[in-house]
All heavy atoms as atom14 arrays in JSON, in Angstrom:
{
  "sequence": "GFVVQAEADAVQTHNAKAAIRSAWGLQSDAMTS",
  "atom14_mask": [
    [1, 1, 1, 1, 0, 0, 0, 0, 0, 0, 0, 0, 0, 0],
    [1, 1, 1, 1, 1, 1, 1, 1, 1, 1, 1, 0, 0, 0],
    [1, 1, 1, 1, 1, 1, 1, 0, 0, 0, 0, 0, 0, 0],
    [1, 1, 1, 1, 1, 1, 1, 0, 0, 0, 0, 0, 0, 0],
    [1, 1, 1, 1, 1, 1, 1, 1, 1, 0, 0, 0, 0, 0],
    [1, 1, 1, 1, 1, 0, 0, 0, 0, 0, 0, 0, 0, 0],
    [1, 1, 1, 1, 1, 1, 1, 1, 1, 0, 0, 0, 0, 0],
    [1, 1, 1, 1, 1, 0, 0, 0, 0, 0, 0, 0, 0, 0],
    [1, 1, 1, 1, 1, 1, 1, 1, 0, 0, 0, 0, 0, 0],
    [1, 1, 1, 1, 1, 0, 0, 0, 0, 0, 0, 0, 0, 0],
    [1, 1, 1, 1, 1, 1, 1, 0, 0, 0, 0, 0, 0, 0],
    [1, 1, 1, 1, 1, 1, 1, 1, 1, 0, 0, 0, 0, 0],
    [1, 1, 1, 1, 1, 1, 1, 0, 0, 0, 0, 0, 0, 0],
    [1, 1, 1, 1, 1, 1, 1, 1, 1, 1, 0, 0, 0, 0],
    [1, 1, 1, 1, 1, 1, 1, 1, 0, 0, 0, 0, 0, 0],
    [1, 1, 1, 1, 1, 0, 0, 0, 0, 0, 0, 0, 0, 0],
    [1, 1, 1, 1, 1, 1, 1, 1, 1, 0, 0, 0, 0, 0],
    [1, 1, 1, 1, 1, 0, 0, 0, 0, 0, 0, 0, 0, 0],
    [1, 1, 1, 1, 1, 0, 0, 0, 0, 0, 0, 0, 0, 0],
    [1, 1, 1, 1, 1, 1, 1, 1, 0, 0, 0, 0, 0, 0],
    [1, 1, 1, 1, 1, 1, 1, 1, 1, 1, 1, 0, 0, 0],
    [1, 1, 1, 1, 1, 1, 0, 0, 0, 0, 0, 0, 0, 0],
    [1, 1, 1, 1, 1, 0, 0, 0, 0, 0, 0, 0, 0, 0],
    [1, 1, 1, 1, 1, 1, 1, 1, 1, 1, 1, 1, 1, 1],
    [1, 1, 1, 1, 0, 0, 0, 0, 0, 0, 0, 0, 0, 0],
    [1, 1, 1, 1, 1, 1, 1, 1, 0, 0, 0, 0, 0, 0],
    [1, 1, 1, 1, 1, 1, 1, 1, 1, 0, 0, 0, 0, 0],
    [1, 1, 1, 1, 1, 1, 0, 0, 0, 0, 0, 0, 0, 0],
    [1, 1, 1, 1, 1, 1, 1, 1, 0, 0, 0, 0, 0, 0],
    [1, 1, 1, 1, 1, 0, 0, 0, 0, 0, 0, 0, 0, 0],
    [1, 1, 1, 1, 1, 1, 1, 1, 0, 0, 0, 0, 0, 0],
    [1, 1, 1, 1, 1, 1, 1, 0, 0, 0, 0, 0, 0, 0],
    [1, 1, 1, 1, 1, 1, 0, 0, 0, 0, 0, 0, 0, 0]
  ],
  "atom14_positions": [
    [[35.89, -15.64, 7.06], [35.42, -14.33, 6.63], [34.39, -13.81, 7.62], [34.15, -14.43, 8.64], [0.0, 0.0, 0.0], [0.0, 0.0, 0.0], [0.0, 0.0, 0.0], [0.0, 0.0, 0.0], [0.0, 0.0, 0.0], [0.0, 0.0, 0.0], [0.0, 0.0, 0.0], [0.0, 0.0, 0.0], [0.0, 0.0, 0.0], [0.0, 0.0, 0.0]],
    [[33.79, -12.71, 7.3], [32.72, -12.17, 8.14], [31.65, -11.58, 7.25], [31.89, -11.23, 6.1], [33.26, -11.12, 9.12], [33.69, -9.85, 8.45], [32.82, -8.77, 8.34], [34.96, -9.73, 7.92], [33.21, -7.6, 7.72], [35.35, -8.57, 7.28], [34.47, -7.51, 7.19], [0.0, 0.0, 0.0], [0.0, 0.0, 0.0], [0.0, 0.0, 0.0]],
    [[30.48, -11.49, 7.81], [29.34, -10.94, 7.11], [28.66, -9.94, 8.03], [28.46, -10.22, 9.2], [28.33, -12.04, 6.72], [27.08, -11.46, 6.1], [28.97, -13.06, 5.79], [0.0, 0.0, 0.0], [0.0, 0.0, 0.0], [0.0, 0.0, 0.0], [0.0, 0.0, 0.0], [0.0, 0.0, 0.0], [0.0, 0.0, 0.0], [0.0, 0.0, 0.0]],
    [[28.35, -8.8, 7.5], [27.56, -7.81, 8.24], [26.19, -7.8, 7.57], [26.08, -7.56, 6.38], [28.2, -6.41, 8.19], [27.3, -5.4, 8.87], [29.58, -6.44, 8.82], [0.0, 0.0, 0.0], [0.0, 0.0, 0.0], [0.0, 0.0, 0.0], [0.0, 0.0, 0.0], [0.0, 0.0, 0.0], [0.0, 0.0, 0.0], [0.0, 0.0, 0.0]],
    [[25.18, -8.09, 8.36], [23.83, -8.14, 7.82], [22.96, -7.16, 8.59], [22.97, -7.15, 9.83], [23.27, -9.56, 7.96], [21.91, -9.75, 7.36], [21.48, -11.21, 7.41], [22.26, -12.1, 7.73], [20.23, -11.45, 7.1], [0.0, 0.0, 0.0], [0.0, 0.0, 0.0], [0.0, 0.0, 0.0], [0.0, 0.0, 0.0], [0.0, 0.0, 0.0]],
    [[22.23, -6.34, 7.88], [21.34, -5.37, 8.52], [19.94, -5.55, 7.97], [19.75, -5.9, 6.8], [21.83, -3.95, 8.24], [0.0, 0.0, 0.0], [0.0, 0.0, 0.0], [0.0, 0.0, 0.0], [0.0, 0.0, 0.0], [0.0, 0.0, 0.0], [0.0, 0.0, 0.0], [0.0, 0.0, 0.0], [0.0, 0.0, 0.0], [0.0, 0.0, 0.0]],
    [[18.97, -5.34, 8.82], [17.58, -5.47, 8.41], [16.8, -4.29, 8.98], [17.03, -3.88, 10.11], [17.0, -6.77, 8.95], [15.58, -7.01, 8.54], [15.04, -8.33, 9.05], [15.8, -9.3, 9.13], [13.84, -8.38, 9.37], [0.0, 0.0, 0.0], [0.0, 0.0, 0.0], [0.0, 0.0, 0.0], [0.0, 0.0, 0.0], [0.0, 0.0, 0.0]],
    [[15.92, -3.74, 8.19], [15.09, -2.63, 8.65], [13.63, -2.95, 8.36], [13.3, -3.49, 7.31], [15.49, -1.34, 7.95], [0.0, 0.0, 0.0], [0.0, 0.0, 0.0], [0.0, 0.0, 0.0], [0.0, 0.0, 0.0], [0.0, 0.0, 0.0], [0.0, 0.0, 0.0], [0.0, 0.0, 0.0], [0.0, 0.0, 0.0], [0.0, 0.0, 0.0]],
    [[12.78, -2.65, 9.3], [11.34, -2.8, 9.12], [10.71, -1.42, 9.18], [11.14, -0.57, 9.96], [10.73, -3.65, 10.23], [10.99, -5.13, 10.05], [11.06, -5.57, 8.89], [11.1, -5.84, 11.05], [0.0, 0.0, 0.0], [0.0, 0.0, 0.0], [0.0, 0.0, 0.0], [0.0, 0.0, 0.0], [0.0, 0.0, 0.0], [0.0, 0.0, 0.0]],
    [[9.72, -1.21, 8.36], [9.02, 0.07, 8.37], [7.55, -0.16, 8.05], [7.19, -1.16, 7.44], [9.64, 1.01, 7.34], [0.0, 0.0, 0.0], [0.0, 0.0, 0.0], [0.0, 0.0, 0.0], [0.0, 0.0, 0.0], [0.0, 0.0, 0.0], [0.0, 0.0, 0.0], [0.0, 0.0, 0.0], [0.0, 0.0, 0.0], [0.0, 0.0, 0.0]],
    [[6.75, 0.75, 8.47], [5.31, 0.71, 8.19], [4.89, 2.12, 7.8], [5.37, 3.1, 8.36], [4.53, 0.23, 9.44], [3.05, 0.47, 9.27], [4.77, -1.24, 9.69], [0.0, 0.0, 0.0], [0.0, 0.0, 0.0], [0.0, 0.0, 0.0], [0.0, 0.0, 0.0], [0.0, 0.0, 0.0], [0.0, 0.0, 0.0], [0.0, 0.0, 0.0]],
    [[4.0, 2.19, 6.85], [3.5, 3.48, 6.4], [2.81, 4.21, 7.54], [2.31, 3.6, 8.48], [2.52, 3.28, 5.26], [1.23, 2.56, 5.71], [0.38, 2.11, 4.56], [0.88, 1.79, 3.51], [-0.93, 2.1, 4.76], [0.0, 0.0, 0.0], [0.0, 0.0, 0.0], [0.0, 0.0, 0.0], [0.0, 0.0, 0.0], [0.0, 0.0, 0.0]],
    [[2.78, 5.53, 7.48], [2.07, 6.3, 8.49], [0.63, 6.58, 8.1], [-0.2, 6.85, 8.95], [2.79, 7.63, 8.79], [2.89, 8.38, 7.58], [4.15, 7.38, 9.38], [0.0, 0.0, 0.0], [0.0, 0.0, 0.0], [0.0, 0.0, 0.0], [0.0, 0.0, 0.0], [0.0, 0.0, 0.0], [0.0, 0.0, 0.0], [0.0, 0.0, 0.0]],
    [[0.32, 6.49, 6.82], [-1.06, 6.65, 6.36], [-1.83, 5.4, 6.77], [-1.41, 4.29, 6.47], [-1.1, 6.86, 4.84], [-2.47, 7.09, 4.31], [-3.18, 8.24, 4.56], [-3.27, 6.3, 3.56], [-4.36, 8.16, 3.97], [-4.44, 7.0, 3.36], [0.0, 0.0, 0.0], [0.0, 0.0, 0.0], [0.0, 0.0, 0.0], [0.0, 0.0, 0.0]],
    [[-2.93, 5.56, 7.47], [-3.69, 4.41, 8.01], [-2.76, 3.55, 8.88], [-2.71, 2.33, 8.75], [-4.32, 3.58, 6.9], [-5.37, 4.34, 6.13], [-6.12, 5.12, 6.71], [-5.4, 4.14, 4.83], [0.0, 0.0, 0.0], [0.0, 0.0, 0.0], [0.0, 0.0, 0.0], [0.0, 0.0, 0.0], [0.0, 0.0, 0.0], [0.0, 0.0, 0.0]],
    [[-2.03, 4.2, 9.75], [-0.97, 3.54, 10.52], [-1.48, 2.36, 11.35], [-0.83, 1.32, 11.41], [-0.27, 4.55, 11.42], [0.0, 0.0, 0.0], [0.0, 0.0, 0.0], [0.0, 0.0, 0.0], [0.0, 0.0, 0.0], [0.0, 0.0, 0.0], [0.0, 0.0, 0.0], [0.0, 0.0, 0.0], [0.0, 0.0, 0.0], [0.0, 0.0, 0.0]],
    [[-2.62, 2.5, 12.0], [-3.1, 1.41, 12.86], [-3.34, 0.14, 12.06], [-2.94, -0.95, 12.46], [-4.35, 1.84, 13.62], [-4.05, 2.86, 14.69], [-5.26, 3.15, 15.53], [-4.89, 4.13, 16.63], [-5.89, 4.22, 17.67], [0.0, 0.0, 0.0], [0.0, 0.0, 0.0], [0.0, 0.0, 0.0], [0.0, 0.0, 0.0], [0.0, 0.0, 0.0]],
    [[-3.98, 0.27, 10.92], [-4.24, -0.9, 10.07], [-2.93, -1.44, 9.51], [-2.74, -2.65, 9.39], [-5.2, -0.53, 8.94], [0.0, 0.0, 0.0], [0.0, 0.0, 0.0], [0.0, 0.0, 0.0], [0.0, 0.0, 0.0], [0.0, 0.0, 0.0], [0.0, 0.0, 0.0], [0.0, 0.0, 0.0], [0.0, 0.0, 0.0], [0.0, 0.0, 0.0]],
    [[-2.01, -0.55, 9.16], [-0.73, -0.97, 8.6], [0.09, -1.74, 9.62], [0.74, -2.73, 9.3], [0.05, 0.24, 8.09], [0.0, 0.0, 0.0], [0.0, 0.0, 0.0], [0.0, 0.0, 0.0], [0.0, 0.0, 0.0], [0.0, 0.0, 0.0], [0.0, 0.0, 0.0], [0.0, 0.0, 0.0], [0.0, 0.0, 0.0], [0.0, 0.0, 0.0]],
    [[0.08, -1.29, 10.87], [0.83, -1.98, 11.92], [0.28, -3.38, 12.13], [1.01, -4.36, 12.23], [0.81, -1.16, 13.23], [1.68, 0.08, 13.07], [1.29, -2.0, 14.42], [1.55, 1.09, 14.19], [0.0, 0.0, 0.0], [0.0, 0.0, 0.0], [0.0, 0.0, 0.0], [0.0, 0.0, 0.0], [0.0, 0.0, 0.0], [0.0, 0.0, 0.0]],
    [[-1.03, -3.49, 12.19], [-1.65, -4.82, 12.37], [-1.33, -5.72, 11.17], [-0.98, -6.88, 11.33], [-3.15, -4.72, 12.56], [-3.8, -6.09, 12.71], [-5.29, -5.98, 12.95], [-5.58, -5.46, 14.26], [-5.78, -6.22, 15.33], [-5.71, -7.52, 15.21], [-6.04, -5.69, 16.49], [0.0, 0.0, 0.0], [0.0, 0.0, 0.0], [0.0, 0.0, 0.0]],
    [[-1.41, -5.18, 9.98], [-1.15, -5.96, 8.78], [0.31, -6.41, 8.69], [0.6, -7.56, 8.37], [-1.51, -5.12, 7.54], [-1.13, -5.81, 6.36], [0.0, 0.0, 0.0], [0.0, 0.0, 0.0], [0.0, 0.0, 0.0], [0.0, 0.0, 0.0], [0.0, 0.0, 0.0], [0.0, 0.0, 0.0], [0.0, 0.0, 0.0], [0.0, 0.0, 0.0]],
    [[1.24, -5.51, 8.99], [2.66, -5.82, 8.83], [3.19, -6.7, 9.95], [3.96, -7.62, 9.72], [3.47, -4.52, 8.76], [0.0, 0.0, 0.0], [0.0, 0.0, 0.0], [0.0, 0.0, 0.0], [0.0, 0.0, 0.0], [0.0, 0.0, 0.0], [0.0, 0.0, 0.0], [0.0, 0.0, 0.0], [0.0, 0.0, 0.0], [0.0, 0.0, 0.0]],
    [[2.8, -6.39, 11.18], [3.41, -7.06, 12.33], [2.43, -7.86, 13.17], [2.81, -8.52, 14.13], [4.12, -6.03, 13.22], [5.29, -5.37, 12.55], [6.2, -5.97, 11.74], [5.65, -4.01, 12.63], [7.12, -5.04, 11.31], [6.81, -3.82, 11.86], [5.13, -2.91, 13.29], [7.45, -2.61, 11.71], [5.77, -1.68, 13.16], [6.92, -1.55, 12.37]],
    [[1.13, -7.77, 12.85], [0.14, -8.52, 13.62], [-0.02, -8.0, 15.03], [-0.38, -8.75, 15.93], [0.0, 0.0, 0.0], [0.0, 0.0, 0.0], [0.0, 0.0, 0.0], [0.0, 0.0, 0.0], [0.0, 0.0, 0.0], [0.0, 0.0, 0.0], [0.0, 0.0, 0.0], [0.0, 0.0, 0.0], [0.0, 0.0, 0.0], [0.0, 0.0, 0.0]],
    [[0.25, -6.73, 15.25], [0.21, -6.15, 16.59], [-1.0, -5.27, 16.77], [-1.46, -4.63, 15.83], [1.46, -5.3, 16.84], [2.81, -6.01, 16.73], [3.93, -5.0, 16.87], [2.93, -7.07, 17.81], [0.0, 0.0, 0.0], [0.0, 0.0, 0.0], [0.0, 0.0, 0.0], [0.0, 0.0, 0.0], [0.0, 0.0, 0.0], [0.0, 0.0, 0.0]],
    [[-1.48, -5.22, 18.01], [-2.46, -4.19, 18.36], [-1.73, -2.87, 18.27], [-0.64, -2.72, 18.79], [-3.01, -4.42, 19.77], [-3.87, -5.64, 19.9], [-5.18, -5.52, 19.14], [-5.63, -4.43, 18.81], [-5.79, -6.65, 18.84], [0.0, 0.0, 0.0], [0.0, 0.0, 0.0], [0.0, 0.0, 0.0], [0.0, 0.0, 0.0], [0.0, 0.0, 0.0]],
    [[-2.29, -1.91, 17.61], [-1.55, -0.71, 17.29], [-1.62, 0.41, 18.33], [-0.86, 1.35, 18.26], [-2.02, -0.17, 15.94], [-3.39, 0.12, 16.02], [0.0, 0.0, 0.0], [0.0, 0.0, 0.0], [0.0, 0.0, 0.0], [0.0, 0.0, 0.0], [0.0, 0.0, 0.0], [0.0, 0.0, 0.0], [0.0, 0.0, 0.0], [0.0, 0.0, 0.0]],
    [[-2.51, 0.34, 19.29], [-2.68, 1.46, 20.22], [-1.38, 1.84, 20.92], [-1.0, 3.0, 20.96], [-3.76, 1.15, 21.26], [-5.14, 1.01, 20.62], [-5.33, 1.56, 19.51], [-5.99, 0.34, 21.22], [0.0, 0.0, 0.0], [0.0, 0.0, 0.0], [0.0, 0.0, 0.0], [0.0, 0.0, 0.0], [0.0, 0.0, 0.0], [0.0, 0.0, 0.0]],
    [[-0.68, 0.86, 21.48], [0.57, 1.16, 22.18], [1.63, 1.65, 21.21], [2.37, 2.59, 21.51], [1.07, -0.08, 22.92], [0.0, 0.0, 0.0], [0.0, 0.0, 0.0], [0.0, 0.0, 0.0], [0.0, 0.0, 0.0], [0.0, 0.0, 0.0], [0.0, 0.0, 0.0], [0.0, 0.0, 0.0], [0.0, 0.0, 0.0], [0.0, 0.0, 0.0]],
    [[1.71, 1.04, 20.04], [2.72, 1.42, 19.05], [2.48, 2.85, 18.56], [3.4, 3.65, 18.52], [2.7, 0.48, 17.85], [3.12, -0.93, 18.15], [4.89, -1.06, 18.41], [5.47, -0.81, 16.76], [0.0, 0.0, 0.0], [0.0, 0.0, 0.0], [0.0, 0.0, 0.0], [0.0, 0.0, 0.0], [0.0, 0.0, 0.0], [0.0, 0.0, 0.0]],
    [[1.24, 3.17, 18.19], [0.98, 4.49, 17.62], [1.13, 5.58, 18.66], [1.55, 6.68, 18.34], [-0.41, 4.55, 16.97], [-1.39, 4.14, 17.92], [-0.48, 3.68, 15.74], [0.0, 0.0, 0.0], [0.0, 0.0, 0.0], [0.0, 0.0, 0.0], [0.0, 0.0, 0.0], [0.0, 0.0, 0.0], [0.0, 0.0, 0.0], [0.0, 0.0, 0.0]],
    [[0.83, 5.3, 19.92], [1.01, 6.33, 20.94], [2.49, 6.62, 21.16], [2.87, 7.76, 21.37], [0.34, 5.93, 22.25], [0.98, 4.8, 22.81], [0.0, 0.0, 0.0], [0.0, 0.0, 0.0], [0.0, 0.0, 0.0], [0.0, 0.0, 0.0], [0.0, 0.0, 0.0], [0.0, 0.0, 0.0], [0.0, 0.0, 0.0], [0.0, 0.0, 0.0]]
  ]
}
């Protein structure tokens, strides 16, 4: 058989810098720009 698996990640835009760090552990400056 076969399986199709999809995954999506998202982060809120309100307080985006803190949310990015919390969700992904990333410095947010490059991401938010």
